[in-house]
């Protein structure tokens, strides 16, 4: 889950122009990941939620 306010502040501090195709550094994106690698401590998935997401995967 990417929190908008800190992300915008971080991008602005780096001088990044914010628009339709603004890039986010890989480590920021990976830190926000909740599935399949639960890297985001602020938002977790229950085992039931993971099972439901896995229904969309390639088997």
PDB file of N, CA and C in Angstrom:
ATOM      1  N   UNK A   1       0.863  -1.159   0.000  1.00  0.00           N
ATOM      2  CA  UNK A   1       0.000   0.000   0.000  1.00  0.00           C
ATOM      3  C   UNK A   1       0.914   1.227   0.000  1.00  0.00           C
ATOM      4  N   UNK A   2       0.791   2.014  -1.009  1.00  0.00           N
ATOM      5  CA  UNK A   2       1.577   3.240  -1.093  1.00  0.00           C
ATOM      6  C   UNK A   2       0.773   4.373  -0.471  1.00  0.00           C
ATOM      7  N   UNK A   3       1.335   4.988   0.540  1.00  0.00           N
ATOM      8  CA  UNK A   3       0.703   6.142   1.178  1.00  0.00           C
ATOM      9  C   UNK A   3       1.003   7.373   0.320  1.00  0.00           C
ATOM     10  N   UNK A   4      -0.021   8.056  -0.126  1.00  0.00           N
ATOM     11  CA  UNK A   4       0.131   9.149  -1.085  1.00  0.00           C
ATOM     12  C   UNK A   4       0.965  10.309  -0.550  1.00  0.00           C
ATOM     13  N   UNK A   5       0.652  10.793   0.636  1.00  0.00           N
ATOM     14  CA  UNK A   5       1.338  12.000   1.137  1.00  0.00           C
ATOM     15  C   UNK A   5       2.852  11.794   1.274  1.00  0.00           C
ATOM     16  N   UNK A   6       3.312  10.728   1.946  1.00  0.00           N
ATOM     17  CA  UNK A   6       4.772  10.546   2.033  1.00  0.00           C
ATOM     18  C   UNK A   6       5.419  10.302   0.668  1.00  0.00           C
ATOM     19  N   UNK A   7       4.705   9.592  -0.225  1.00  0.00           N
ATOM     20  CA  UNK A   7       5.261   9.336  -1.548  1.00  0.00           C
ATOM     21  C   UNK A   7       5.411  10.631  -2.331  1.00  0.00           C
ATOM     22  N   UNK A   8       4.402  11.480  -2.319  1.00  0.00           N
ATOM     23  CA  UNK A   8       4.473  12.766  -3.030  1.00  0.00           C
ATOM     24  C   UNK A   8       5.594  13.624  -2.442  1.00  0.00           C
ATOM     25  N   UNK A   9       5.717  13.644  -1.134  1.00  0.00           N
ATOM     26  CA  UNK A   9       6.789  14.421  -0.497  1.00  0.00           C
ATOM     27  C   UNK A   9       8.162  13.911  -0.923  1.00  0.00           C
ATOM     28  N   UNK A  10       8.308  12.596  -0.952  1.00  0.00           N
ATOM     29  CA  UNK A  10       9.578  11.983  -1.349  1.00  0.00           C
ATOM     30  C   UNK A  10       9.919  12.313  -2.805  1.00  0.00           C
ATOM     31  N   UNK A  11       8.926  12.208  -3.675  1.00  0.00           N
ATOM     32  CA  UNK A  11       9.146  12.518  -5.090  1.00  0.00           C
ATOM     33  C   UNK A  11       9.469  13.993  -5.294  1.00  0.00           C
ATOM     34  N   UNK A  12       8.731  14.856  -4.618  1.00  0.00           N
ATOM     35  CA  UNK A  12       8.954  16.300  -4.732  1.00  0.00           C
ATOM     36  C   UNK A  12      10.353  16.666  -4.253  1.00  0.00           C
ATOM     37  N   UNK A  13      10.773  16.052  -3.157  1.00  0.00           N
ATOM     38  CA  UNK A  13      12.111  16.319  -2.605  1.00  0.00           C
ATOM     39  C   UNK A  13      13.194  15.940  -3.608  1.00  0.00           C
ATOM     40  N   UNK A  14      12.952  14.891  -4.382  1.00  0.00           N
ATOM     41  CA  UNK A  14      13.918  14.435  -5.387  1.00  0.00           C
ATOM     42  C   UNK A  14      13.812  15.213  -6.687  1.00  0.00           C
ATOM     43  N   UNK A  15      12.834  16.122  -6.776  1.00  0.00           N
ATOM     44  CA  UNK A  15      12.673  16.923  -7.983  1.00  0.00           C
ATOM     45  C   UNK A  15      11.947  16.194  -9.096  1.00  0.00           C
ATOM     46  N   UNK A  16      11.203  15.155  -8.768  1.00  0.00           N
ATOM     47  CA  UNK A  16      10.466  14.386  -9.763  1.00  0.00           C
ATOM     48  C   UNK A  16       9.175  15.112 -10.098  1.00  0.00           C
ATOM     49  N   UNK A  17       8.884  15.216 -11.390  1.00  0.00           N
ATOM     50  CA  UNK A  17       7.624  15.817 -11.817  1.00  0.00           C
ATOM     51  C   UNK A  17       6.516  14.787 -11.643  1.00  0.00           C
ATOM     52  N   UNK A  18       5.451  15.161 -10.996  1.00  0.00           N
ATOM     53  CA  UNK A  18       4.352  14.247 -10.724  1.00  0.00           C
ATOM     54  C   UNK A  18       3.295  14.406 -11.801  1.00  0.00           C
ATOM     55  N   UNK A  19       2.928  13.267 -12.401  1.00  0.00           N
ATOM     56  CA  UNK A  19       1.945  13.289 -13.481  1.00  0.00           C
ATOM     57  C   UNK A  19       1.390  11.896 -13.708  1.00  0.00           C
ATOM     58  N   UNK A  20       0.911  11.664 -14.917  1.00  0.00           N
ATOM     59  CA  UNK A  20       0.272  10.393 -15.250  1.00  0.00           C
ATOM     60  C   UNK A  20       1.245   9.215 -15.233  1.00  0.00           C
ATOM     61  N   UNK A  21       2.481   9.425 -15.608  1.00  0.00           N
ATOM     62  CA  UNK A  21       3.432   8.326 -15.740  1.00  0.00           C
ATOM     63  C   UNK A  21       4.625   8.482 -14.801  1.00  0.00           C
ATOM     64  N   UNK A  22       4.388   8.980 -13.615  1.00  0.00           N
ATOM     65  CA  UNK A  22       5.467   9.164 -12.651  1.00  0.00           C
ATOM     66  C   UNK A  22       5.985   7.810 -12.182  1.00  0.00           C
ATOM     67  N   UNK A  23       7.286   7.642 -12.213  1.00  0.00           N
ATOM     68  CA  UNK A  23       7.897   6.387 -11.777  1.00  0.00           C
ATOM     69  C   UNK A  23       8.133   6.399 -10.275  1.00  0.00           C
ATOM     70  N   UNK A  24       8.096   5.205  -9.706  1.00  0.00           N
ATOM     71  CA  UNK A  24       8.388   5.012  -8.289  1.00  0.00           C
ATOM     72  C   UNK A  24       9.598   4.085  -8.216  1.00  0.00           C
ATOM     73  N   UNK A  25      10.559   4.416  -7.380  1.00  0.00           N
ATOM     74  CA  UNK A  25      11.745   3.581  -7.260  1.00  0.00           C
ATOM     75  C   UNK A  25      11.356   2.175  -6.801  1.00  0.00           C
ATOM     76  N   UNK A  26      12.096   1.205  -7.304  1.00  0.00           N
ATOM     77  CA  UNK A  26      11.795  -0.203  -7.049  1.00  0.00           C
ATOM     78  C   UNK A  26      11.669  -0.509  -5.559  1.00  0.00           C
ATOM     79  N   UNK A  27      12.573   0.001  -4.731  1.00  0.00           N
ATOM     80  CA  UNK A  27      12.537  -0.330  -3.303  1.00  0.00           C
ATOM     81  C   UNK A  27      11.272   0.206  -2.635  1.00  0.00           C
ATOM     82  N   UNK A  28      10.751   1.335  -3.105  1.00  0.00           N
ATOM     83  CA  UNK A  28       9.516   1.885  -2.552  1.00  0.00           C
ATOM     84  C   UNK A  28       8.346   0.979  -2.915  1.00  0.00           C
ATOM     85  N   UNK A  29       8.313   0.549  -4.177  1.00  0.00           N
ATOM     86  CA  UNK A  29       7.258  -0.336  -4.652  1.00  0.00           C
ATOM     87  C   UNK A  29       7.310  -1.671  -3.902  1.00  0.00           C
ATOM     88  N   UNK A  30       8.510  -2.241  -3.758  1.00  0.00           N
ATOM     89  CA  UNK A  30       8.658  -3.533  -3.083  1.00  0.00           C
ATOM     90  C   UNK A  30       8.298  -3.442  -1.603  1.00  0.00           C
ATOM     91  N   UNK A  31       8.623  -2.332  -0.956  1.00  0.00           N
ATOM     92  CA  UNK A  31       8.279  -2.159   0.461  1.00  0.00           C
ATOM     93  C   UNK A  31       6.774  -2.109   0.678  1.00  0.00           C
ATOM     94  N   UNK A  32       6.031  -1.709  -0.346  1.00  0.00           N
ATOM     95  CA  UNK A  32       4.574  -1.595  -0.236  1.00  0.00           C
ATOM     96  C   UNK A  32       3.858  -2.895  -0.591  1.00  0.00           C
ATOM     97  N   UNK A  33       4.599  -3.867  -1.093  1.00  0.00           N
ATOM     98  CA  UNK A  33       3.989  -5.115  -1.572  1.00  0.00           C
ATOM     99  C   UNK A  33       3.317  -5.896  -0.440  1.00  0.00           C
ATOM    100  N   UNK A  34       2.115  -6.397  -0.718  1.00  0.00           N
ATOM    101  CA  UNK A  34       1.416  -7.234   0.262  1.00  0.00           C
ATOM    102  C   UNK A  34       1.259  -8.669  -0.220  1.00  0.00           C
ATOM    103  N   UNK A  35       1.416  -8.898  -1.538  1.00  0.00           N
ATOM    104  CA  UNK A  35       1.305 -10.244  -2.091  1.00  0.00           C
ATOM    105  C   UNK A  35       2.123 -10.308  -3.367  1.00  0.00           C
ATOM    106  N   UNK A  36       2.853 -11.365  -3.630  1.00  0.00           N
ATOM    107  CA  UNK A  36       3.030 -12.572  -2.843  1.00  0.00           C
ATOM    108  C   UNK A  36       4.031 -12.426  -1.710  1.00  0.00           C
ATOM    109  N   UNK A  37       4.816 -11.356  -1.735  1.00  0.00           N
ATOM    110  CA  UNK A  37       5.764 -11.121  -0.641  1.00  0.00           C
ATOM    111  C   UNK A  37       5.181 -10.081   0.304  1.00  0.00           C
ATOM    112  N   UNK A  38       4.789 -10.485   1.507  1.00  0.00           N
ATOM    113  CA  UNK A  38       4.169  -9.538   2.437  1.00  0.00           C
ATOM    114  C   UNK A  38       5.193  -8.614   3.090  1.00  0.00           C
ATOM    115  N   UNK A  39       5.649  -7.602   2.353  1.00  0.00           N
ATOM    116  CA  UNK A  39       6.675  -6.679   2.842  1.00  0.00           C
ATOM    117  C   UNK A  39       6.108  -5.505   3.628  1.00  0.00           C
ATOM    118  N   UNK A  40       4.823  -5.243   3.476  1.00  0.00           N
ATOM    119  CA  UNK A  40       4.208  -4.067   4.094  1.00  0.00           C
ATOM    120  C   UNK A  40       3.652  -4.448   5.467  1.00  0.00           C
ATOM    121  N   UNK A  41       4.287  -3.978   6.521  1.00  0.00           N
ATOM    122  CA  UNK A  41       3.843  -4.288   7.878  1.00  0.00           C
ATOM    123  C   UNK A  41       2.553  -3.595   8.278  1.00  0.00           C
ATOM    124  N   UNK A  42       2.161  -2.569   7.542  1.00  0.00           N
ATOM    125  CA  UNK A  42       0.945  -1.825   7.887  1.00  0.00           C
ATOM    126  C   UNK A  42      -0.316  -2.496   7.370  1.00  0.00           C
ATOM    127  N   UNK A  43      -0.163  -3.390   6.411  1.00  0.00           N
ATOM    128  CA  UNK A  43      -1.331  -4.014   5.803  1.00  0.00           C
ATOM    129  C   UNK A  43      -1.024  -5.475   5.530  1.00  0.00           C
ATOM    130  N   UNK A  44      -1.703  -6.350   6.235  1.00  0.00           N
ATOM    131  CA  UNK A  44      -1.478  -7.772   6.046  1.00  0.00           C
ATOM    132  C   UNK A  44      -2.701  -8.451   5.471  1.00  0.00           C
ATOM    133  N   UNK A  45      -2.488  -9.616   4.888  1.00  0.00           N
ATOM    134  CA  UNK A  45      -3.584 -10.404   4.349  1.00  0.00           C
ATOM    135  C   UNK A  45      -3.819 -11.615   5.245  1.00  0.00           C
ATOM    136  N   UNK A  46      -5.069 -11.965   5.399  1.00  0.00           N
ATOM    137  CA  UNK A  46      -5.407 -13.176   6.146  1.00  0.00           C
ATOM    138  C   UNK A  46      -5.164 -14.375   5.231  1.00  0.00           C
ATOM    139  N   UNK A  47      -5.026 -15.567   5.796  1.00  0.00           N
ATOM    140  CA  UNK A  47      -4.885 -16.756   4.951  1.00  0.00           C
ATOM    141  C   UNK A  47      -6.047 -16.912   3.968  1.00  0.00           C
ATOM    142  N   UNK A  48      -7.248 -16.537   4.380  1.00  0.00           N
ATOM    143  CA  UNK A  48      -8.404 -16.616   3.485  1.00  0.00           C
ATOM    144  C   UNK A  48      -8.244 -15.659   2.301  1.00  0.00           C
ATOM    145  N   UNK A  49      -7.759 -14.445   2.562  1.00  0.00           N
ATOM    146  CA  UNK A  49      -7.555 -13.475   1.488  1.00  0.00           C
ATOM    147  C   UNK A  49      -6.494 -13.972   0.504  1.00  0.00           C
ATOM    148  N   UNK A  50      -5.424 -14.559   1.030  1.00  0.00           N
ATOM    149  CA  UNK A  50      -4.379 -15.111   0.166  1.00  0.00           C
ATOM    150  C   UNK A  50      -4.957 -16.219  -0.706  1.00  0.00           C
ATOM    151  N   UNK A  51      -5.761 -17.085  -0.125  1.00  0.00           N
ATOM    152  CA  UNK A  51      -6.396 -18.172  -0.891  1.00  0.00           C
ATOM    153  C   UNK A  51      -7.265 -17.624  -2.017  1.00  0.00           C
ATOM    154  N   UNK A  52      -7.980 -16.564  -1.744  1.00  0.00           N
ATOM    155  CA  UNK A  52      -8.837 -15.967  -2.768  1.00  0.00           C
ATOM    156  C   UNK A  52      -7.990 -15.350  -3.899  1.00  0.00           C
ATOM    157  N   UNK A  53      -6.914 -14.696  -3.555  1.00  0.00           N
ATOM    158  CA  UNK A  53      -6.028 -14.108  -4.570  1.00  0.00           C
ATOM    159  C   UNK A  53      -5.417 -15.212  -5.428  1.00  0.00           C
ATOM    160  N   UNK A  54      -5.059 -16.310  -4.796  1.00  0.00           N
ATOM    161  CA  UNK A  54      -4.423 -17.406  -5.530  1.00  0.00           C
ATOM    162  C   UNK A  54      -5.351 -18.034  -6.555  1.00  0.00           C
ATOM    163  N   UNK A  55      -6.648 -17.842  -6.423  1.00  0.00           N
ATOM    164  CA  UNK A  55      -7.586 -18.348  -7.425  1.00  0.00           C
ATOM    165  C   UNK A  55      -7.365 -17.715  -8.797  1.00  0.00           C
ATOM    166  N   UNK A  56      -6.769 -16.522  -8.829  1.00  0.00           N
ATOM    167  CA  UNK A  56      -6.526 -15.809 -10.076  1.00  0.00           C
ATOM    168  C   UNK A  56      -5.192 -16.182 -10.730  1.00  0.00           C
ATOM    169  N   UNK A  57      -4.382 -16.964 -10.026  1.00  0.00           N
ATOM    170  CA  UNK A  57      -3.057 -17.304 -10.530  1.00  0.00           C
ATOM    171  C   UNK A  57      -3.076 -18.413 -11.558  1.00  0.00           C
ATOM    172  N   UNK A  58      -1.946 -18.558 -12.224  1.00  0.00           N
ATOM    173  CA  UNK A  58      -1.793 -19.644 -13.190  1.00  0.00           C
ATOM    174  C   UNK A  58      -1.443 -20.919 -12.445  1.00  0.00           C
ATOM    175  N   UNK A  59      -2.200 -21.945 -12.689  1.00  0.00           N
ATOM    176  CA  UNK A  59      -1.959 -23.226 -12.020  1.00  0.00           C
ATOM    177  C   UNK A  59      -1.438 -24.250 -12.977  1.00  0.00           C
TER     178      UNK A  59
END
